[in-house]
Amino acid sequence: MIKRIVLYVFFGLLFHPFFSYSQDSIPKVKDITKDITEDKSIKFQEYFFKSLSEKSIKNYQIAIQNLEECNAIFPNDKAVFFELSKNYLFLNRTTEALQYINNALRLEPSNFWMLKHLVAIQKKDKNYQEAIKTQLTIVKDKPKQRSELIFLYYLNDEFMKALSLIDVFEKEYGLTTSLIQLKDKLLLRNKPQTKVSNSDSLPKLISDFELNPPSFNTLKKILMLAFKENIPTYYIYSSLAMDLFPAQPFSYLSKGRALQLQGKHQEAIDILEIGIDFIIENPLLEAQFYTILVDVYTSLNKTSKALEYKMKLKNDKI
């Protein structure tokens, strides 16, 4: 009997207007979650903008502390990683800077600004070889960024690559004052070396080549020097390159350039267009082929073909 009374009282209260009102006044779980998320977002933004403010007045360590608060609220945020990397670089702590920018790039591998920042870190560490690799990734989508690649080749003592790329860049975009100065510096640097250093002189290289088993590397050096110093020698050895090393794209480039200099434009085209097929992952060499093809097609007044190769040069992945 008592059990029945308890049940009647319970069901009566359950449907009583007061009880219904009390249920409605309790916040739903989703609403609570939403409020918590909004609160965390507000705190995240406060810490993030505080970090930017501190960075602007060079309080890099305090900026980092605010960014760590951001990371605690929302872990693995690429903007936080990027800012942490910047502040650590300002503190010359390149190990941490590299760690955080790599974290950011794992989330967005092709981000232009993050890749540029990675290059800055690698330059700071004087790791020019890795900086060149990163810059090559950048210029796939932004060919004008080749200018930075030129300077990286120079810093890495790859002077011929820097000079060759300057020639390509000059034809396509023209040169800035700094690039003109670098070109002059590279040309002045190369001239004394070819005259003073007996081991790198053209006669010595030719002697080494003739007295020893054929070496492609020695022949390449001969061709590069002969193009500057002795064009008749260049003609002879570019033909020899085709005979001895017919699978090397540089042989076709040299022979094609020699034919161009002799005014044999159609023959140059035939050689160059065959040689391009031998190139494997060498965008700099590929660009040199395209540059000569633009010139020879222009000389033959074949403007459509010249434009075709000019577009390939513009989109080339250097």
C-alpha atoms as a PDB file:
ATOM      1  CA  MET A   1       0.000   0.000   0.000  1.00  0.00           C
ATOM      2  CA  ILE A   2       2.821   2.392   0.927  1.00  0.00           C
ATOM      3  CA  LYS A   3       4.665   1.556  -2.326  1.00  0.00           C
ATOM      4  CA  ARG A   4       1.575   2.508  -4.311  1.00  0.00           C
ATOM      5  CA  ILE A   5       1.323   5.876  -2.552  1.00  0.00           C
ATOM      6  CA  VAL A   6       4.995   6.628  -3.272  1.00  0.00           C
ATOM      7  CA  LEU A   7       4.510   5.845  -6.937  1.00  0.00           C
ATOM      8  CA  TYR A   8       1.403   8.059  -7.160  1.00  0.00           C
ATOM      9  CA  VAL A   9       3.287  10.935  -5.523  1.00  0.00           C
ATOM     10  CA  PHE A  10       6.268  10.458  -7.878  1.00  0.00           C
ATOM     11  CA  PHE A  11       4.169  10.434 -11.052  1.00  0.00           C
ATOM     12  CA  GLY A  12       2.157  13.368  -9.793  1.00  0.00           C
ATOM     13  CA  LEU A  13       5.285  15.454  -9.309  1.00  0.00           C
ATOM     14  CA  LEU A  14       6.689  14.331 -12.636  1.00  0.00           C
ATOM     15  CA  PHE A  15       3.800  15.909 -14.501  1.00  0.00           C
ATOM     16  CA  HIS A  16       3.427  18.892 -12.151  1.00  0.00           C
ATOM     17  CA  PRO A  17       4.125  22.290 -13.860  1.00  0.00           C
ATOM     18  CA  PHE A  18       6.780  23.178 -11.264  1.00  0.00           C
ATOM     19  CA  PHE A  19       8.757  20.007 -11.926  1.00  0.00           C
ATOM     20  CA  SER A  20       8.612  20.611 -15.675  1.00  0.00           C
ATOM     21  CA  TYR A  21       9.967  24.123 -15.219  1.00  0.00           C
ATOM     22  CA  SER A  22      12.840  22.823 -13.096  1.00  0.00           C
ATOM     23  CA  GLN A  23      13.894  20.407 -15.886  1.00  0.00           C
ATOM     24  CA  ASP A  24      13.900  23.151 -18.524  1.00  0.00           C
ATOM     25  CA  SER A  25      16.062  25.360 -16.361  1.00  0.00           C
ATOM     26  CA  ILE A  26      18.947  22.815 -16.388  1.00  0.00           C
ATOM     27  CA  PRO A  27      21.447  23.665 -19.251  1.00  0.00           C
ATOM     28  CA  LYS A  28      21.803  21.046 -21.964  1.00  0.00           C
ATOM     29  CA  VAL A  29      25.141  19.243 -22.367  1.00  0.00           C
ATOM     30  CA  LYS A  30      25.595  20.647 -25.894  1.00  0.00           C
ATOM     31  CA  ASP A  31      25.136  24.213 -24.630  1.00  0.00           C
ATOM     32  CA  ILE A  32      27.750  23.692 -21.937  1.00  0.00           C
ATOM     33  CA  THR A  33      30.219  22.278 -24.490  1.00  0.00           C
ATOM     34  CA  LYS A  34      29.572  25.215 -26.783  1.00  0.00           C
ATOM     35  CA  ASP A  35      30.211  27.696 -23.980  1.00  0.00           C
ATOM     36  CA  ILE A  36      33.452  25.965 -23.023  1.00  0.00           C
ATOM     37  CA  THR A  37      34.661  25.970 -26.656  1.00  0.00           C
ATOM     38  CA  GLU A  38      33.849  29.653 -27.070  1.00  0.00           C
ATOM     39  CA  ASP A  39      35.649  30.466 -23.839  1.00  0.00           C
ATOM     40  CA  LYS A  40      38.727  28.544 -24.977  1.00  0.00           C
ATOM     41  CA  SER A  41      38.655  30.329 -28.343  1.00  0.00           C
ATOM     42  CA  ILE A  42      38.556  33.717 -26.643  1.00  0.00           C
ATOM     43  CA  LYS A  43      41.492  32.817 -24.393  1.00  0.00           C
ATOM     44  CA  PHE A  44      43.405  31.424 -27.397  1.00  0.00           C
ATOM     45  CA  GLN A  45      42.941  34.680 -29.306  1.00  0.00           C
ATOM     46  CA  GLU A  46      43.957  36.768 -26.295  1.00  0.00           C
ATOM     47  CA  TYR A  47      47.212  34.845 -25.865  1.00  0.00           C
ATOM     48  CA  PHE A  48      47.907  34.819 -29.602  1.00  0.00           C
ATOM     49  CA  PHE A  49      47.492  38.573 -30.082  1.00  0.00           C
ATOM     50  CA  LYS A  50      49.469  39.188 -26.900  1.00  0.00           C
ATOM     51  CA  SER A  51      52.302  37.165 -28.442  1.00  0.00           C
ATOM     52  CA  LEU A  52      52.198  39.297 -31.600  1.00  0.00           C
ATOM     53  CA  SER A  53      52.293  42.429 -29.479  1.00  0.00           C
ATOM     54  CA  GLU A  54      55.286  41.199 -27.487  1.00  0.00           C
ATOM     55  CA  LYS A  55      57.101  40.132 -30.652  1.00  0.00           C
ATOM     56  CA  SER A  56      56.628  43.603 -32.146  1.00  0.00           C
ATOM     57  CA  ILE A  57      58.562  45.125 -29.207  1.00  0.00           C
ATOM     58  CA  LYS A  58      61.182  42.352 -29.333  1.00  0.00           C
ATOM     59  CA  ASN A  59      60.054  40.595 -26.172  1.00  0.00           C
ATOM     60  CA  TYR A  60      60.510  37.262 -27.915  1.00  0.00           C
ATOM     61  CA  GLN A  61      60.654  35.096 -24.789  1.00  0.00           C
ATOM     62  CA  ILE A  62      57.382  36.513 -23.478  1.00  0.00           C
ATOM     63  CA  ALA A  63      55.853  36.046 -26.931  1.00  0.00           C
ATOM     64  CA  ILE A  64      56.896  32.387 -26.780  1.00  0.00           C
ATOM     65  CA  GLN A  65      55.270  31.973 -23.360  1.00  0.00           C
ATOM     66  CA  ASN A  66      51.975  33.294 -24.723  1.00  0.00           C
ATOM     67  CA  LEU A  67      52.224  30.991 -27.717  1.00  0.00           C
ATOM     68  CA  GLU A  68      52.789  28.023 -25.421  1.00  0.00           C
ATOM     69  CA  GLU A  69      49.526  28.944 -23.692  1.00  0.00           C
ATOM     70  CA  CYS A  70      47.870  28.897 -27.120  1.00  0.00           C
ATOM     71  CA  ASN A  71      49.360  25.486 -27.796  1.00  0.00           C
ATOM     72  CA  ALA A  72      48.007  24.178 -24.491  1.00  0.00           C
ATOM     73  CA  ILE A  73      44.489  25.341 -25.406  1.00  0.00           C
ATOM     74  CA  PHE A  74      44.485  24.146 -29.036  1.00  0.00           C
ATOM     75  CA  PRO A  75      47.441  21.853 -29.772  1.00  0.00           C
ATOM     76  CA  ASN A  76      48.924  21.437 -33.258  1.00  0.00           C
ATOM     77  CA  ASP A  77      47.843  24.794 -34.659  1.00  0.00           C
ATOM     78  CA  LYS A  78      50.032  25.691 -37.668  1.00  0.00           C
ATOM     79  CA  ALA A  79      49.836  29.438 -36.993  1.00  0.00           C
ATOM     80  CA  VAL A  80      51.134  28.877 -33.448  1.00  0.00           C
ATOM     81  CA  PHE A  81      53.950  26.636 -34.719  1.00  0.00           C
ATOM     82  CA  PHE A  82      54.886  29.265 -37.322  1.00  0.00           C
ATOM     83  CA  GLU A  83      54.989  32.071 -34.756  1.00  0.00           C
ATOM     84  CA  LEU A  84      56.982  29.952 -32.312  1.00  0.00           C
ATOM     85  CA  SER A  85      59.525  29.288 -35.049  1.00  0.00           C
ATOM     86  CA  LYS A  86      59.810  33.001 -35.879  1.00  0.00           C
ATOM     87  CA  ASN A  87      60.415  33.975 -32.256  1.00  0.00           C
ATOM     88  CA  TYR A  88      62.997  31.264 -31.733  1.00  0.00           C
ATOM     89  CA  LEU A  89      64.822  32.421 -34.863  1.00  0.00           C
ATOM     90  CA  PHE A  90      64.855  35.983 -33.509  1.00  0.00           C
ATOM     91  CA  LEU A  91      66.536  34.514 -30.419  1.00  0.00           C
ATOM     92  CA  ASN A  92      69.063  32.720 -32.686  1.00  0.00           C
ATOM     93  CA  ARG A  93      67.801  29.377 -31.371  1.00  0.00           C
ATOM     94  CA  THR A  94      67.718  27.670 -34.752  1.00  0.00           C
ATOM     95  CA  THR A  95      67.204  24.128 -33.432  1.00  0.00           C
ATOM     96  CA  GLU A  96      63.833  25.055 -31.923  1.00  0.00           C
ATOM     97  CA  ALA A  97      63.004  27.289 -34.887  1.00  0.00           C
ATOM     98  CA  LEU A  98      63.592  24.376 -37.260  1.00  0.00           C
ATOM     99  CA  GLN A  99      61.557  21.988 -35.132  1.00  0.00           C
ATOM    100  CA  TYR A 100      58.489  24.240 -35.063  1.00  0.00           C
ATOM    101  CA  ILE A 101      58.548  25.228 -38.740  1.00  0.00           C
ATOM    102  CA  ASN A 102      58.787  21.545 -39.669  1.00  0.00           C
ATOM    103  CA  ASN A 103      55.738  20.911 -37.465  1.00  0.00           C
ATOM    104  CA  ALA A 104      53.896  23.666 -39.309  1.00  0.00           C
ATOM    105  CA  LEU A 105      54.929  22.393 -42.740  1.00  0.00           C
ATOM    106  CA  ARG A 106      53.689  18.906 -41.920  1.00  0.00           C
ATOM    107  CA  LEU A 107      50.247  20.487 -41.649  1.00  0.00           C
ATOM    108  CA  GLU A 108      50.616  22.590 -44.819  1.00  0.00           C
ATOM    109  CA  PRO A 109      53.646  21.479 -46.887  1.00  0.00           C
ATOM    110  CA  SER A 110      53.314  23.995 -49.727  1.00  0.00           C
ATOM    111  CA  ASN A 111      52.767  27.166 -47.705  1.00  0.00           C
ATOM    112  CA  PHE A 112      54.906  29.829 -49.415  1.00  0.00           C
ATOM    113  CA  TRP A 113      55.630  31.963 -46.331  1.00  0.00           C
ATOM    114  CA  MET A 114      56.520  29.005 -44.162  1.00  0.00           C
ATOM    115  CA  LEU A 115      58.887  27.653 -46.823  1.00  0.00           C
ATOM    116  CA  LYS A 116      60.567  31.065 -47.092  1.00  0.00           C
ATOM    117  CA  HIS A 117      60.994  31.082 -43.335  1.00  0.00           C
ATOM    118  CA  LEU A 118      62.559  27.605 -43.511  1.00  0.00           C
ATOM    119  CA  VAL A 119      65.081  28.956 -46.029  1.00  0.00           C
ATOM    120  CA  ALA A 120      65.889  31.798 -43.610  1.00  0.00           C
ATOM    121  CA  ILE A 121      66.621  29.275 -40.838  1.00  0.00           C
ATOM    122  CA  GLN A 122      68.781  27.151 -43.118  1.00  0.00           C
ATOM    123  CA  LYS A 123      70.717  30.235 -44.237  1.00  0.00           C
ATOM    124  CA  LYS A 124      71.220  31.231 -40.609  1.00  0.00           C
ATOM    125  CA  ASP A 125      72.740  27.794 -39.993  1.00  0.00           C
ATOM    126  CA  LYS A 126      74.768  28.184 -43.218  1.00  0.00           C
ATOM    127  CA  ASN A 127      73.149  24.986 -44.438  1.00  0.00           C
ATOM    128  CA  TYR A 128      73.034  26.255 -48.002  1.00  0.00           C
ATOM    129  CA  GLN A 129      72.595  22.836 -49.608  1.00  0.00           C
ATOM    130  CA  GLU A 130      69.312  22.290 -47.764  1.00  0.00           C
ATOM    131  CA  ALA A 131      68.283  25.903 -48.386  1.00  0.00           C
ATOM    132  CA  ILE A 132      68.723  25.301 -52.129  1.00  0.00           C
ATOM    133  CA  LYS A 133      66.463  22.229 -51.954  1.00  0.00           C
ATOM    134  CA  THR A 134      63.787  24.230 -50.143  1.00  0.00           C
ATOM    135  CA  GLN A 135      64.084  27.120 -52.596  1.00  0.00           C
ATOM    136  CA  LEU A 136      63.669  24.724 -55.522  1.00  0.00           C
ATOM    137  CA  THR A 137      60.348  23.686 -53.974  1.00  0.00           C
ATOM    138  CA  ILE A 138      59.298  27.341 -53.747  1.00  0.00           C
ATOM    139  CA  VAL A 139      60.086  28.196 -57.365  1.00  0.00           C
ATOM    140  CA  LYS A 140      57.965  25.351 -58.705  1.00  0.00           C
ATOM    141  CA  ASP A 141      54.974  27.613 -58.142  1.00  0.00           C
ATOM    142  CA  LYS A 142      56.731  31.003 -58.077  1.00  0.00           C
ATOM    143  CA  PRO A 143      59.395  31.212 -60.820  1.00  0.00           C
ATOM    144  CA  LYS A 144      60.374  34.771 -59.891  1.00  0.00           C
ATOM    145  CA  GLN A 145      61.793  33.396 -56.663  1.00  0.00           C
ATOM    146  CA  ARG A 146      64.712  32.124 -58.763  1.00  0.00           C
ATOM    147  CA  SER A 147      66.522  35.313 -57.764  1.00  0.00           C
ATOM    148  CA  GLU A 148      66.924  33.947 -54.224  1.00  0.00           C
ATOM    149  CA  LEU A 149      68.106  30.645 -55.695  1.00  0.00           C
ATOM    150  CA  ILE A 150      70.884  32.518 -57.536  1.00  0.00           C
ATOM    151  CA  PHE A 151      72.179  33.972 -54.271  1.00  0.00           C
ATOM    152  CA  LEU A 152      71.988  30.574 -52.576  1.00  0.00           C
ATOM    153  CA  TYR A 153      74.077  29.013 -55.345  1.00  0.00           C
ATOM    154  CA  TYR A 154      76.593  31.808 -54.826  1.00  0.00           C
ATOM    155  CA  LEU A 155      76.696  31.281 -51.050  1.00  0.00           C
ATOM    156  CA  ASN A 156      77.209  27.544 -51.645  1.00  0.00           C
ATOM    157  CA  ASP A 157      80.200  28.281 -53.947  1.00  0.00           C
ATOM    158  CA  GLU A 158      78.309  26.950 -57.000  1.00  0.00           C
ATOM    159  CA  PHE A 159      79.383  29.900 -59.106  1.00  0.00           C
ATOM    160  CA  MET A 160      78.716  28.431 -62.548  1.00  0.00           C
ATOM    161  CA  LYS A 161      75.169  27.480 -61.546  1.00  0.00           C
ATOM    162  CA  ALA A 162      74.615  30.985 -60.217  1.00  0.00           C
ATOM    163  CA  LEU A 163      75.950  32.550 -63.414  1.00  0.00           C
ATOM    164  CA  SER A 164      73.931  30.260 -65.684  1.00  0.00           C
ATOM    165  CA  LEU A 165      70.741  30.983 -63.776  1.00  0.00           C
ATOM    166  CA  ILE A 166      71.450  34.733 -63.914  1.00  0.00           C
ATOM    167  CA  ASP A 167      71.519  34.459 -67.722  1.00  0.00           C
ATOM    168  CA  VAL A 168      68.167  32.648 -67.721  1.00  0.00           C
ATOM    169  CA  PHE A 169      66.636  35.123 -65.260  1.00  0.00           C
ATOM    170  CA  GLU A 170      67.960  38.110 -67.225  1.00  0.00           C
ATOM    171  CA  LYS A 171      66.265  36.960 -70.426  1.00  0.00           C
ATOM    172  CA  GLU A 172      62.958  36.361 -68.692  1.00  0.00           C
ATOM    173  CA  TYR A 173      62.597  39.132 -66.112  1.00  0.00           C
ATOM    174  CA  GLY A 174      65.633  41.384 -66.306  1.00  0.00           C
ATOM    175  CA  LEU A 175      68.090  41.911 -63.465  1.00  0.00           C
ATOM    176  CA  THR A 176      67.781  43.916 -60.284  1.00  0.00           C
ATOM    177  CA  THR A 177      70.690  46.085 -59.138  1.00  0.00           C
ATOM    178  CA  SER A 178      71.826  43.409 -56.681  1.00  0.00           C
ATOM    179  CA  LEU A 179      71.774  40.719 -59.376  1.00  0.00           C
ATOM    180  CA  ILE A 180      73.739  42.944 -61.776  1.00  0.00           C
ATOM    181  CA  GLN A 181      76.344  43.448 -59.058  1.00  0.00           C
ATOM    182  CA  LEU A 182      76.468  39.721 -58.385  1.00  0.00           C
ATOM    183  CA  LYS A 183      76.858  38.961 -62.095  1.00  0.00           C
ATOM    184  CA  ASP A 184      79.794  41.379 -62.361  1.00  0.00           C
ATOM    185  CA  LYS A 185      81.331  39.837 -59.270  1.00  0.00           C
ATOM    186  CA  LEU A 186      80.994  36.319 -60.661  1.00  0.00           C
ATOM    187  CA  LEU A 187      82.445  37.295 -64.045  1.00  0.00           C
ATOM    188  CA  LEU A 188      85.423  39.046 -62.380  1.00  0.00           C
ATOM    189  CA  ARG A 189      85.822  36.013 -60.119  1.00  0.00           C
ATOM    190  CA  ASN A 190      85.930  33.563 -63.020  1.00  0.00           C
ATOM    191  CA  LYS A 191      88.341  35.449 -65.285  1.00  0.00           C
ATOM    192  CA  PRO A 192      91.368  35.553 -62.975  1.00  0.00           C
ATOM    193  CA  GLN A 193      90.916  31.879 -62.104  1.00  0.00           C
ATOM    194  CA  THR A 194      91.111  30.742 -65.714  1.00  0.00           C
ATOM    195  CA  LYS A 195      94.286  32.769 -66.270  1.00  0.00           C
ATOM    196  CA  VAL A 196      96.130  32.216 -62.999  1.00  0.00           C
ATOM    197  CA  SER A 197      95.303  28.623 -62.095  1.00  0.00           C
ATOM    198  CA  ASN A 198      97.325  26.282 -64.320  1.00  0.00           C
ATOM    199  CA  SER A 199      95.254  23.261 -63.245  1.00  0.00           C
ATOM    200  CA  ASP A 200      92.070  24.895 -64.540  1.00  0.00           C
ATOM    201  CA  SER A 201      93.537  26.505 -67.649  1.00  0.00           C
ATOM    202  CA  LEU A 202      92.145  25.486 -71.023  1.00  0.00           C
ATOM    203  CA  PRO A 203      95.480  24.137 -72.401  1.00  0.00           C
ATOM    204  CA  LYS A 204      96.018  22.050 -69.236  1.00  0.00           C
ATOM    205  CA  LEU A 205      92.501  20.624 -69.362  1.00  0.00           C
ATOM    206  CA  ILE A 206      92.881  19.750 -73.045  1.00  0.00           C
ATOM    207  CA  SER A 207      96.226  18.091 -72.332  1.00  0.00           C
ATOM    208  CA  ASP A 208      94.711  16.038 -69.495  1.00  0.00           C
ATOM    209  CA  PHE A 209      91.799  15.028 -71.691  1.00  0.00           C
ATOM    210  CA  GLU A 210      93.977  13.940 -74.625  1.00  0.00           C
ATOM    211  CA  LEU A 211      96.528  12.010 -72.532  1.00  0.00           C
ATOM    212  CA  ASN A 212      94.044  10.113 -70.344  1.00  0.00           C
ATOM    213  CA  PRO A 213      90.969   7.935 -70.928  1.00  0.00           C
ATOM    214  CA  PRO A 214      88.014  10.119 -71.991  1.00  0.00           C
ATOM    215  CA  SER A 215      86.496  11.885 -68.997  1.00  0.00           C
ATOM    216  CA  PHE A 216      83.115  13.570 -69.304  1.00  0.00           C
ATOM    217  CA  ASN A 217      83.831  15.881 -66.371  1.00  0.00           C
ATOM    218  CA  THR A 218      87.078  17.106 -67.957  1.00  0.00           C
ATOM    219  CA  LEU A 219      85.356  17.555 -71.310  1.00  0.00           C
ATOM    220  CA  LYS A 220      82.590  19.543 -69.636  1.00  0.00           C
ATOM    221  CA  LYS A 221      85.158  21.869 -68.067  1.00  0.00           C
ATOM    222  CA  ILE A 222      86.827  22.314 -71.466  1.00  0.00           C
ATOM    223  CA  LEU A 223      83.522  23.256 -73.075  1.00  0.00           C
ATOM    224  CA  MET A 224      82.590  25.707 -70.331  1.00  0.00           C
ATOM    225  CA  LEU A 225      85.952  27.489 -70.580  1.00  0.00           C
ATOM    226  CA  ALA A 226      86.181  27.321 -74.371  1.00  0.00           C
ATOM    227  CA  PHE A 227      82.746  28.953 -74.686  1.00  0.00           C
ATOM    228  CA  LYS A 228      84.212  31.986 -72.917  1.00  0.00           C
ATOM    229  CA  GLU A 229      87.760  31.949 -74.261  1.00  0.00           C
ATOM    230  CA  ASN A 230      88.082  30.086 -77.546  1.00  0.00           C
ATOM    231  CA  ILE A 231      85.035  29.500 -79.765  1.00  0.00           C
ATOM    232  CA  PRO A 232      86.872  27.414 -82.432  1.00  0.00           C
ATOM    233  CA  THR A 233      87.947  25.023 -79.655  1.00  0.00           C
ATOM    234  CA  TYR A 234      84.354  25.016 -78.459  1.00  0.00           C
ATOM    235  CA  TYR A 235      83.168  23.891 -81.911  1.00  0.00           C
ATOM    236  CA  ILE A 236      85.677  21.005 -81.980  1.00  0.00           C
ATOM    237  CA  TYR A 237      84.980  19.674 -78.512  1.00  0.00           C
ATOM    238  CA  SER A 238      81.200  20.050 -78.727  1.00  0.00           C
ATOM    239  CA  SER A 239      81.293  17.660 -81.691  1.00  0.00           C
ATOM    240  CA  LEU A 240      83.612  15.351 -79.768  1.00  0.00           C
ATOM    241  CA  ALA A 241      81.157  15.365 -76.855  1.00  0.00           C
ATOM    242  CA  MET A 242      78.419  14.075 -79.140  1.00  0.00           C
ATOM    243  CA  ASP A 243      80.672  11.264 -80.382  1.00  0.00           C
ATOM    244  CA  LEU A 244      81.988  10.159 -76.991  1.00  0.00           C
ATOM    245  CA  PHE A 245      79.055  10.848 -74.667  1.00  0.00           C
ATOM    246  CA  PRO A 246      75.839  10.648 -76.728  1.00  0.00           C
ATOM    247  CA  ALA A 247      73.677   9.911 -73.661  1.00  0.00           C
ATOM    248  CA  GLN A 248      74.704  13.089 -71.824  1.00  0.00           C
ATOM    249  CA  PRO A 249      72.241  15.987 -72.298  1.00  0.00           C
ATOM    250  CA  PHE A 250      75.100  18.482 -71.809  1.00  0.00           C
ATOM    251  CA  SER A 251      76.657  17.131 -75.031  1.00  0.00           C
ATOM    252  CA  TYR A 252      73.502  18.070 -76.947  1.00  0.00           C
ATOM    253  CA  LEU A 253      73.351  21.459 -75.280  1.00  0.00           C
ATOM    254  CA  SER A 254      76.959  22.205 -76.262  1.00  0.00           C
ATOM    255  CA  LYS A 255      76.517  21.022 -79.845  1.00  0.00           C
ATOM    256  CA  GLY A 256      73.234  22.903 -80.210  1.00  0.00           C
ATOM    257  CA  ARG A 257      74.819  26.110 -78.918  1.00  0.00           C
ATOM    258  CA  ALA A 258      77.774  25.645 -81.298  1.00  0.00           C
ATOM    259  CA  LEU A 259      75.404  25.249 -84.261  1.00  0.00           C
ATOM    260  CA  GLN A 260      73.487  28.331 -83.136  1.00  0.00           C
ATOM    261  CA  LEU A 261      76.711  30.377 -83.051  1.00  0.00           C
ATOM    262  CA  GLN A 262      77.476  29.172 -86.592  1.00  0.00           C
ATOM    263  CA  GLY A 263      74.047  30.309 -87.772  1.00  0.00           C
ATOM    264  CA  LYS A 264      72.859  26.728 -88.375  1.00  0.00           C
ATOM    265  CA  HIS A 265      69.580  27.302 -86.574  1.00  0.00           C
ATOM    266  CA  GLN A 266      67.528  24.368 -87.871  1.00  0.00           C
ATOM    267  CA  GLU A 267      70.345  21.920 -87.124  1.00  0.00           C
ATOM    268  CA  ALA A 268      70.607  23.423 -83.640  1.00  0.00           C
ATOM    269  CA  ILE A 269      66.878  22.862 -83.110  1.00  0.00           C
ATOM    270  CA  ASP A 270      67.130  19.238 -84.213  1.00  0.00           C
ATOM    271  CA  ILE A 271      69.976  18.515 -81.783  1.00  0.00           C
ATOM    272  CA  LEU A 272      68.470  20.403 -78.852  1.00  0.00           C
ATOM    273  CA  GLU A 273      65.032  18.847 -79.128  1.00  0.00           C
ATOM    274  CA  ILE A 274      66.594  15.370 -79.081  1.00  0.00           C
ATOM    275  CA  GLY A 275      68.791  16.272 -76.116  1.00  0.00           C
ATOM    276  CA  ILE A 276      65.895  17.446 -73.946  1.00  0.00           C
ATOM    277  CA  ASP A 277      64.628  13.870 -73.765  1.00  0.00           C
ATOM    278  CA  PHE A 278      67.831  12.811 -71.994  1.00  0.00           C
ATOM    279  CA  ILE A 279      67.328  15.240 -69.086  1.00  0.00           C
ATOM    280  CA  ILE A 280      66.317  13.668 -65.783  1.00  0.00           C
ATOM    281  CA  GLU A 281      65.394  15.994 -62.906  1.00  0.00           C
ATOM    282  CA  ASN A 282      67.744  18.820 -63.854  1.00  0.00           C
ATOM    283  CA  PRO A 283      65.554  21.922 -64.228  1.00  0.00           C
ATOM    284  CA  LEU A 284      68.541  24.276 -64.554  1.00  0.00           C
ATOM    285  CA  LEU A 285      69.903  22.378 -67.562  1.00  0.00           C
ATOM    286  CA  GLU A 286      66.385  22.138 -68.987  1.00  0.00           C
ATOM    287  CA  ALA A 287      66.024  25.919 -68.763  1.00  0.00           C
ATOM    288  CA  GLN A 288      69.299  26.363 -70.683  1.00  0.00           C
ATOM    289  CA  PHE A 289      67.909  24.225 -73.508  1.00  0.00           C
ATOM    290  CA  TYR A 290      64.704  26.283 -73.589  1.00  0.00           C
ATOM    291  CA  THR A 291      66.637  29.563 -73.637  1.00  0.00           C
ATOM    292  CA  ILE A 292      68.619  28.588 -76.732  1.00  0.00           C
ATOM    293  CA  LEU A 293      65.507  27.182 -78.441  1.00  0.00           C
ATOM    294  CA  VAL A 294      63.701  30.484 -77.899  1.00  0.00           C
ATOM    295  CA  ASP A 295      66.620  32.292 -79.568  1.00  0.00           C
ATOM    296  CA  VAL A 296      66.951  29.962 -82.570  1.00  0.00           C
ATOM    297  CA  TYR A 297      63.222  29.848 -83.280  1.00  0.00           C
ATOM    298  CA  THR A 298      63.132  33.638 -83.034  1.00  0.00           C
ATOM    299  CA  SER A 299      66.016  33.836 -85.533  1.00  0.00           C
ATOM    300  CA  LEU A 300      63.969  31.680 -87.946  1.00  0.00           C
ATOM    301  CA  ASN A 301      60.901  33.928 -87.388  1.00  0.00           C
ATOM    302  CA  LYS A 302      58.966  30.977 -86.017  1.00  0.00           C
ATOM    303  CA  THR A 303      57.276  33.055 -83.364  1.00  0.00           C
ATOM    304  CA  SER A 304      54.723  30.463 -82.266  1.00  0.00           C
ATOM    305  CA  LYS A 305      57.442  27.906 -81.455  1.00  0.00           C
ATOM    306  CA  ALA A 306      59.549  30.585 -79.799  1.00  0.00           C
ATOM    307  CA  LEU A 307      56.556  31.507 -77.629  1.00  0.00           C
ATOM    308  CA  GLU A 308      55.936  27.846 -76.818  1.00  0.00           C
ATOM    309  CA  TYR A 309      59.437  27.423 -75.403  1.00  0.00           C
ATOM    310  CA  LYS A 310      59.297  30.796 -73.724  1.00  0.00           C
ATOM    311  CA  MET A 311      56.210  29.620 -71.831  1.00  0.00           C
ATOM    312  CA  LYS A 312      57.995  26.389 -70.902  1.00  0.00           C
ATOM    313  CA  LEU A 313      60.880  28.480 -69.634  1.00  0.00           C
ATOM    314  CA  LYS A 314      58.512  30.606 -67.564  1.00  0.00           C
ATOM    315  CA  ASN A 315      56.868  27.542 -66.062  1.00  0.00           C
ATOM    316  CA  ASP A 316      60.112  25.666 -65.683  1.00  0.00           C
ATOM    317  CA  LYS A 317      60.674  24.144 -62.241  1.00  0.00           C
ATOM    318  CA  ILE A 318      63.955  25.764 -61.316  1.00  0.00           C
END
